[in-house]
Amino acid sequence: MIEPRTDAALRAIRRVLRASEMSEKQLAGATGLTPSQLVVLQEVVRPGESTAGAISSALQFSQATVTNLVDRLVERGFVVREKRDQDRRQVWVAITPAGKSALSSAPDTMQDRFRNRFEELSDWEQAMIVAMLERLTSLLDADKIDAAPVIDAGVIDRAGPG
């Protein structure tokens, strides 16, 4: 027999998973992007370096993952790779008009809502939530899984719809 608290905890986990799936479907419907592709696109338009290495560092994704995500964005016509005159060895990633259009039509993601609301919490509430989530990952034997700080239920460098 499942205890009421266990049942409540499992329901809460399932709600988070479903919310993530629903958010991904909404994003895919509006833009054709996965959450990971969207954050790479958002990083490309930020001021500063837009090389695969800089994007990788900023997002805490591996260089290989960023390269794969950029490949997919290039295929979709959302970004282009270019060499600059200053250093022909560096490859820069630049957004295209189609990429800007996709960004402007993207709905708020679950990650954005979480970040905004979490940052409004007091320090002690943030610390308790982080501790609880770290304990939860341990209970699920997921604490050794490498994960970037992006809410994306699928393989992070998978192809988006279309």
C-alpha atoms as a PDB file:
ATOM      1  CA  MET A   1       0.000   0.000   0.000  1.00  0.00           C
ATOM      2  CA  ILE A   2       1.313   3.428  -0.955  1.00  0.00           C
ATOM      3  CA  GLU A   3       1.410   5.934   1.857  1.00  0.00           C
ATOM      4  CA  PRO A   4      -0.518   9.207   1.315  1.00  0.00           C
ATOM      5  CA  ARG A   5       2.673  11.292   1.400  1.00  0.00           C
ATOM      6  CA  THR A   6       4.381   8.990  -1.078  1.00  0.00           C
ATOM      7  CA  ASP A   7       1.366   9.269  -3.356  1.00  0.00           C
ATOM      8  CA  ALA A   8       1.367  13.069  -3.032  1.00  0.00           C
ATOM      9  CA  ALA A   9       5.098  13.216  -3.808  1.00  0.00           C
ATOM     10  CA  LEU A  10       4.711  10.999  -6.888  1.00  0.00           C
ATOM     11  CA  ARG A  11       1.784  13.127  -8.088  1.00  0.00           C
ATOM     12  CA  ALA A  12       3.859  16.291  -7.683  1.00  0.00           C
ATOM     13  CA  ILE A  13       6.759  14.775  -9.652  1.00  0.00           C
ATOM     14  CA  ARG A  14       4.352  13.719 -12.399  1.00  0.00           C
ATOM     15  CA  ARG A  15       2.879  17.239 -12.536  1.00  0.00           C
ATOM     16  CA  VAL A  16       6.341  18.721 -13.053  1.00  0.00           C
ATOM     17  CA  LEU A  17       7.073  16.205 -15.819  1.00  0.00           C
ATOM     18  CA  ARG A  18       3.731  16.908 -17.517  1.00  0.00           C
ATOM     19  CA  ALA A  19       4.228  20.676 -17.204  1.00  0.00           C
ATOM     20  CA  SER A  20       7.612  20.270 -18.903  1.00  0.00           C
ATOM     21  CA  GLU A  21       6.082  18.220 -21.726  1.00  0.00           C
ATOM     22  CA  MET A  22       3.280  20.752 -22.204  1.00  0.00           C
ATOM     23  CA  SER A  23       5.727  23.669 -22.226  1.00  0.00           C
ATOM     24  CA  GLU A  24       7.880  21.903 -24.829  1.00  0.00           C
ATOM     25  CA  LYS A  25       4.840  21.240 -27.037  1.00  0.00           C
ATOM     26  CA  GLN A  26       3.758  24.884 -26.785  1.00  0.00           C
ATOM     27  CA  LEU A  27       7.269  26.062 -27.714  1.00  0.00           C
ATOM     28  CA  ALA A  28       7.511  23.579 -30.582  1.00  0.00           C
ATOM     29  CA  GLY A  29       4.097  24.629 -31.897  1.00  0.00           C
ATOM     30  CA  ALA A  30       4.979  28.323 -31.832  1.00  0.00           C
ATOM     31  CA  THR A  31       8.560  28.119 -33.118  1.00  0.00           C
ATOM     32  CA  GLY A  32       9.500  24.552 -34.058  1.00  0.00           C
ATOM     33  CA  LEU A  33      12.315  24.754 -31.497  1.00  0.00           C
ATOM     34  CA  THR A  34      13.251  22.560 -28.555  1.00  0.00           C
ATOM     35  CA  PRO A  35      13.991  24.329 -25.246  1.00  0.00           C
ATOM     36  CA  SER A  36      17.724  23.708 -25.724  1.00  0.00           C
ATOM     37  CA  GLN A  37      17.679  25.185 -29.217  1.00  0.00           C
ATOM     38  CA  LEU A  38      15.807  28.206 -27.887  1.00  0.00           C
ATOM     39  CA  VAL A  39      18.365  28.927 -25.147  1.00  0.00           C
ATOM     40  CA  VAL A  40      21.195  28.656 -27.685  1.00  0.00           C
ATOM     41  CA  LEU A  41      19.354  31.118 -29.939  1.00  0.00           C
ATOM     42  CA  GLN A  42      18.825  33.438 -26.958  1.00  0.00           C
ATOM     43  CA  GLU A  43      22.528  33.232 -26.140  1.00  0.00           C
ATOM     44  CA  VAL A  44      23.501  34.099 -29.720  1.00  0.00           C
ATOM     45  CA  VAL A  45      21.678  37.456 -29.485  1.00  0.00           C
ATOM     46  CA  ARG A  46      23.202  38.411 -26.128  1.00  0.00           C
ATOM     47  CA  PRO A  47      26.014  40.963 -26.271  1.00  0.00           C
ATOM     48  CA  GLY A  48      29.477  39.425 -26.282  1.00  0.00           C
ATOM     49  CA  GLU A  49      31.152  36.555 -28.072  1.00  0.00           C
ATOM     50  CA  SER A  50      28.946  34.212 -30.037  1.00  0.00           C
ATOM     51  CA  THR A  51      31.335  31.364 -30.683  1.00  0.00           C
ATOM     52  CA  ALA A  52      30.452  27.763 -29.897  1.00  0.00           C
ATOM     53  CA  GLY A  53      32.946  27.850 -27.026  1.00  0.00           C
ATOM     54  CA  ALA A  54      31.461  30.998 -25.503  1.00  0.00           C
ATOM     55  CA  ILE A  55      27.918  29.633 -25.869  1.00  0.00           C
ATOM     56  CA  SER A  56      29.030  26.334 -24.325  1.00  0.00           C
ATOM     57  CA  SER A  57      30.533  28.116 -21.313  1.00  0.00           C
ATOM     58  CA  ALA A  58      27.572  30.427 -20.819  1.00  0.00           C
ATOM     59  CA  LEU A  59      24.978  27.640 -20.973  1.00  0.00           C
ATOM     60  CA  GLN A  60      27.035  24.921 -19.274  1.00  0.00           C
ATOM     61  CA  PHE A  61      26.531  22.615 -22.269  1.00  0.00           C
ATOM     62  CA  SER A  62      29.360  20.548 -23.717  1.00  0.00           C
ATOM     63  CA  GLN A  63      31.077  21.903 -26.816  1.00  0.00           C
ATOM     64  CA  ALA A  64      29.790  18.879 -28.779  1.00  0.00           C
ATOM     65  CA  THR A  65      26.211  19.554 -27.684  1.00  0.00           C
ATOM     66  CA  VAL A  66      26.427  23.204 -28.715  1.00  0.00           C
ATOM     67  CA  THR A  67      27.927  22.229 -32.064  1.00  0.00           C
ATOM     68  CA  ASN A  68      25.052  19.801 -32.650  1.00  0.00           C
ATOM     69  CA  LEU A  69      22.441  22.381 -31.610  1.00  0.00           C
ATOM     70  CA  VAL A  70      24.014  25.033 -33.841  1.00  0.00           C
ATOM     71  CA  ASP A  71      24.061  22.526 -36.737  1.00  0.00           C
ATOM     72  CA  ARG A  72      20.322  22.060 -36.296  1.00  0.00           C
ATOM     73  CA  LEU A  73      19.716  25.818 -36.089  1.00  0.00           C
ATOM     74  CA  VAL A  74      21.770  26.325 -39.269  1.00  0.00           C
ATOM     75  CA  GLU A  75      19.688  23.628 -41.028  1.00  0.00           C
ATOM     76  CA  ARG A  76      16.534  25.505 -40.019  1.00  0.00           C
ATOM     77  CA  GLY A  77      17.944  28.817 -41.242  1.00  0.00           C
ATOM     78  CA  PHE A  78      17.852  30.392 -37.758  1.00  0.00           C
ATOM     79  CA  VAL A  79      21.603  31.041 -37.502  1.00  0.00           C
ATOM     80  CA  VAL A  80      24.646  31.162 -39.773  1.00  0.00           C
ATOM     81  CA  ARG A  81      28.277  30.421 -39.086  1.00  0.00           C
ATOM     82  CA  GLU A  82      30.750  33.082 -40.162  1.00  0.00           C
ATOM     83  CA  LYS A  83      34.444  33.831 -39.910  1.00  0.00           C
ATOM     84  CA  ARG A  84      35.534  37.309 -38.926  1.00  0.00           C
ATOM     85  CA  ASP A  85      38.463  39.211 -40.409  1.00  0.00           C
ATOM     86  CA  GLN A  86      40.147  39.682 -37.011  1.00  0.00           C
ATOM     87  CA  ASP A  87      40.638  35.949 -36.417  1.00  0.00           C
ATOM     88  CA  ARG A  88      39.842  33.574 -39.265  1.00  0.00           C
ATOM     89  CA  ARG A  89      40.303  30.564 -36.943  1.00  0.00           C
ATOM     90  CA  GLN A  90      37.264  31.479 -34.845  1.00  0.00           C
ATOM     91  CA  VAL A  91      33.815  30.584 -36.128  1.00  0.00           C
ATOM     92  CA  TRP A  92      31.081  32.936 -34.955  1.00  0.00           C
ATOM     93  CA  VAL A  93      27.380  32.191 -34.810  1.00  0.00           C
ATOM     94  CA  ALA A  94      25.008  34.930 -35.948  1.00  0.00           C
ATOM     95  CA  ILE A  95      21.226  35.031 -35.873  1.00  0.00           C
ATOM     96  CA  THR A  96      19.249  35.361 -39.105  1.00  0.00           C
ATOM     97  CA  PRO A  97      15.947  37.185 -39.642  1.00  0.00           C
ATOM     98  CA  ALA A  98      14.180  33.793 -39.385  1.00  0.00           C
ATOM     99  CA  GLY A  99      15.906  33.222 -36.039  1.00  0.00           C
ATOM    100  CA  LYS A 100      14.823  36.644 -34.797  1.00  0.00           C
ATOM    101  CA  SER A 101      11.271  35.849 -35.869  1.00  0.00           C
ATOM    102  CA  ALA A 102      11.347  32.527 -34.001  1.00  0.00           C
ATOM    103  CA  LEU A 103      12.631  34.286 -30.871  1.00  0.00           C
ATOM    104  CA  SER A 104       9.939  36.934 -31.027  1.00  0.00           C
ATOM    105  CA  SER A 105       7.192  34.327 -31.416  1.00  0.00           C
ATOM    106  CA  ALA A 106       8.490  32.087 -28.612  1.00  0.00           C
ATOM    107  CA  PRO A 107       6.182  31.855 -25.602  1.00  0.00           C
ATOM    108  CA  ASP A 108       7.544  32.182 -22.078  1.00  0.00           C
ATOM    109  CA  THR A 109       9.099  28.851 -21.247  1.00  0.00           C
ATOM    110  CA  MET A 110       8.634  26.887 -18.063  1.00  0.00           C
ATOM    111  CA  GLN A 111      12.284  27.637 -17.339  1.00  0.00           C
ATOM    112  CA  ASP A 112      11.689  31.395 -17.647  1.00  0.00           C
ATOM    113  CA  ARG A 113       8.676  31.239 -15.327  1.00  0.00           C
ATOM    114  CA  PHE A 114      10.630  29.169 -12.807  1.00  0.00           C
ATOM    115  CA  ARG A 115      13.667  31.473 -12.917  1.00  0.00           C
ATOM    116  CA  ASN A 116      11.563  34.615 -12.437  1.00  0.00           C
ATOM    117  CA  ARG A 117       9.512  33.205  -9.580  1.00  0.00           C
ATOM    118  CA  PHE A 118      12.422  31.399  -7.891  1.00  0.00           C
ATOM    119  CA  GLU A 119      14.554  34.546  -7.852  1.00  0.00           C
ATOM    120  CA  GLU A 120      11.740  36.388  -6.051  1.00  0.00           C
ATOM    121  CA  LEU A 121      11.859  33.898  -3.157  1.00  0.00           C
ATOM    122  CA  SER A 122      13.813  34.631  -0.012  1.00  0.00           C
ATOM    123  CA  ASP A 123      17.263  33.088   0.389  1.00  0.00           C
ATOM    124  CA  TRP A 124      16.073  30.484   2.883  1.00  0.00           C
ATOM    125  CA  GLU A 125      13.235  29.370   0.581  1.00  0.00           C
ATOM    126  CA  GLN A 126      15.619  29.050  -2.351  1.00  0.00           C
ATOM    127  CA  ALA A 127      18.061  27.040  -0.226  1.00  0.00           C
ATOM    128  CA  MET A 128      15.310  24.694   0.982  1.00  0.00           C
ATOM    129  CA  ILE A 129      14.032  24.082  -2.547  1.00  0.00           C
ATOM    130  CA  VAL A 130      17.543  23.377  -3.863  1.00  0.00           C
ATOM    131  CA  ALA A 131      18.215  21.012  -0.949  1.00  0.00           C
ATOM    132  CA  MET A 132      14.914  19.216  -1.508  1.00  0.00           C
ATOM    133  CA  LEU A 133      15.525  18.877  -5.246  1.00  0.00           C
ATOM    134  CA  GLU A 134      19.050  17.568  -4.676  1.00  0.00           C
ATOM    135  CA  ARG A 135      17.665  15.027  -2.204  1.00  0.00           C
ATOM    136  CA  LEU A 136      14.966  14.049  -4.702  1.00  0.00           C
ATOM    137  CA  THR A 137      17.549  13.413  -7.420  1.00  0.00           C
ATOM    138  CA  SER A 138      19.419  11.238  -4.943  1.00  0.00           C
ATOM    139  CA  LEU A 139      16.266   9.248  -4.111  1.00  0.00           C
ATOM    140  CA  LEU A 140      15.740   8.647  -7.837  1.00  0.00           C
ATOM    141  CA  ASP A 141      19.410   7.680  -8.400  1.00  0.00           C
ATOM    142  CA  ALA A 142      19.669  10.664 -10.732  1.00  0.00           C
ATOM    143  CA  ASP A 143      22.262  12.633  -8.777  1.00  0.00           C
ATOM    144  CA  LYS A 144      25.164  11.460 -10.962  1.00  0.00           C
ATOM    145  CA  ILE A 145      23.458  12.389 -14.239  1.00  0.00           C
ATOM    146  CA  ASP A 146      25.075  15.371 -15.907  1.00  0.00           C
ATOM    147  CA  ALA A 147      22.468  18.033 -16.626  1.00  0.00           C
ATOM    148  CA  ALA A 148      22.626  21.587 -17.880  1.00  0.00           C
ATOM    149  CA  PRO A 149      20.413  24.196 -16.184  1.00  0.00           C
ATOM    150  CA  VAL A 150      17.701  23.924 -18.844  1.00  0.00           C
ATOM    151  CA  ILE A 151      14.292  22.331 -18.404  1.00  0.00           C
ATOM    152  CA  ASP A 152      14.200  20.029 -21.426  1.00  0.00           C
ATOM    153  CA  ALA A 153      12.791  16.538 -21.052  1.00  0.00           C
ATOM    154  CA  GLY A 154      14.280  15.102 -24.238  1.00  0.00           C
ATOM    155  CA  VAL A 155      17.816  14.465 -25.346  1.00  0.00           C
ATOM    156  CA  ILE A 156      19.305  17.934 -25.205  1.00  0.00           C
ATOM    157  CA  ASP A 157      20.689  18.033 -28.744  1.00  0.00           C
ATOM    158  CA  ARG A 158      17.804  16.294 -30.489  1.00  0.00           C
ATOM    159  CA  ALA A 159      16.182  17.613 -33.602  1.00  0.00           C
ATOM    160  CA  GLY A 160      13.179  19.833 -33.148  1.00  0.00           C
ATOM    161  CA  PRO A 161       9.921  19.223 -34.984  1.00  0.00           C
ATOM    162  CA  GLY A 162       9.842  19.921 -38.700  1.00  0.00           C
END
